């Protein structure tokens, strides 16, 4: 049985926490920031966890992280 390949595009975008959850950054924080409120920009800069419904599918793409 050959080794599984890690999906490199996803591996650069997520990290796995100590408890096994998948941590991701939020979207809409890279450009067009002048129209967004400071509160919204603060919230978008924080990291978030992947929803449990998507986590199983994502873990298959990053088997060794």
Protein backbone atom coordinates (compact mmCIF):
# COMPACT_ATOMS: atom_id res chain seq x y z
CA UNK A 1 0.00 0.00 0.00
CA UNK A 2 1.57 3.34 -1.00
CA UNK A 3 1.77 6.29 1.33
CA UNK A 4 -1.00 8.88 1.26
CA UNK A 5 -0.10 12.30 -0.06
CA UNK A 6 -0.80 15.41 1.99
CA UNK A 7 -2.85 18.06 0.22
CA UNK A 8 -0.19 20.79 0.26
CA UNK A 9 -2.60 23.65 -0.45
CA UNK A 10 -4.68 22.78 2.61
CA UNK A 11 -1.66 22.01 4.80
CA UNK A 12 -0.46 25.61 4.36
CA UNK A 13 -3.85 26.98 5.46
CA UNK A 14 -4.63 24.94 8.59
CA UNK A 15 -2.99 23.76 11.80
CA UNK A 16 -4.01 20.95 14.14
CA UNK A 17 -4.46 21.87 17.81
CA UNK A 18 -3.34 19.73 20.72
CA UNK A 19 -6.84 18.35 21.20
CA UNK A 20 -7.04 17.38 17.51
CA UNK A 21 -9.28 20.18 16.27
CA UNK A 22 -8.41 21.97 13.04
CA UNK A 23 -7.59 25.66 13.31
CA UNK A 24 -8.11 28.01 10.35
CA UNK A 25 -7.99 31.73 9.65
CA UNK A 26 -11.08 33.69 8.65
CA UNK A 27 -11.75 35.01 5.16
CA UNK A 28 -12.30 38.63 4.03
CA UNK A 29 -9.27 40.08 5.86
CA UNK A 30 -6.78 40.51 3.02
CA UNK A 31 -7.96 43.58 1.10
CA UNK A 32 -10.77 46.17 0.86
CA UNK A 33 -10.35 46.82 4.58
CA UNK A 34 -11.16 50.55 4.50
CA UNK A 35 -14.89 49.85 4.24
CA UNK A 36 -14.87 47.43 7.19
CA UNK A 37 -15.33 48.59 10.76
CA UNK A 38 -12.49 48.17 13.29
CA UNK A 39 -14.65 45.70 15.21
CA UNK A 40 -15.12 43.56 12.12
CA UNK A 41 -11.39 43.68 11.29
CA UNK A 42 -10.51 42.58 14.84
CA UNK A 43 -12.89 39.62 14.62
CA UNK A 44 -11.57 38.60 11.21
CA UNK A 45 -7.96 38.63 12.40
CA UNK A 46 -8.66 35.98 15.06
CA UNK A 47 -8.38 32.32 14.21
CA UNK A 48 -11.31 29.94 14.26
CA UNK A 49 -11.85 26.17 14.29
CA UNK A 50 -13.23 24.19 11.41
CA UNK A 51 -16.84 23.08 11.84
CA UNK A 52 -17.08 19.44 12.98
CA UNK A 53 -19.13 18.56 9.89
CA UNK A 54 -16.17 19.53 7.67
CA UNK A 55 -13.39 18.30 9.95
CA UNK A 56 -13.65 14.63 8.96
CA UNK A 57 -13.30 15.44 5.26
CA UNK A 58 -10.37 17.79 5.91
CA UNK A 59 -8.50 15.29 8.11
CA UNK A 60 -8.39 12.87 5.16
CA UNK A 61 -6.51 15.48 3.13
CA UNK A 62 -3.88 16.06 5.83
CA UNK A 63 -3.19 12.55 7.20
CA UNK A 64 0.23 13.31 8.76
CA UNK A 65 -0.38 16.68 10.44
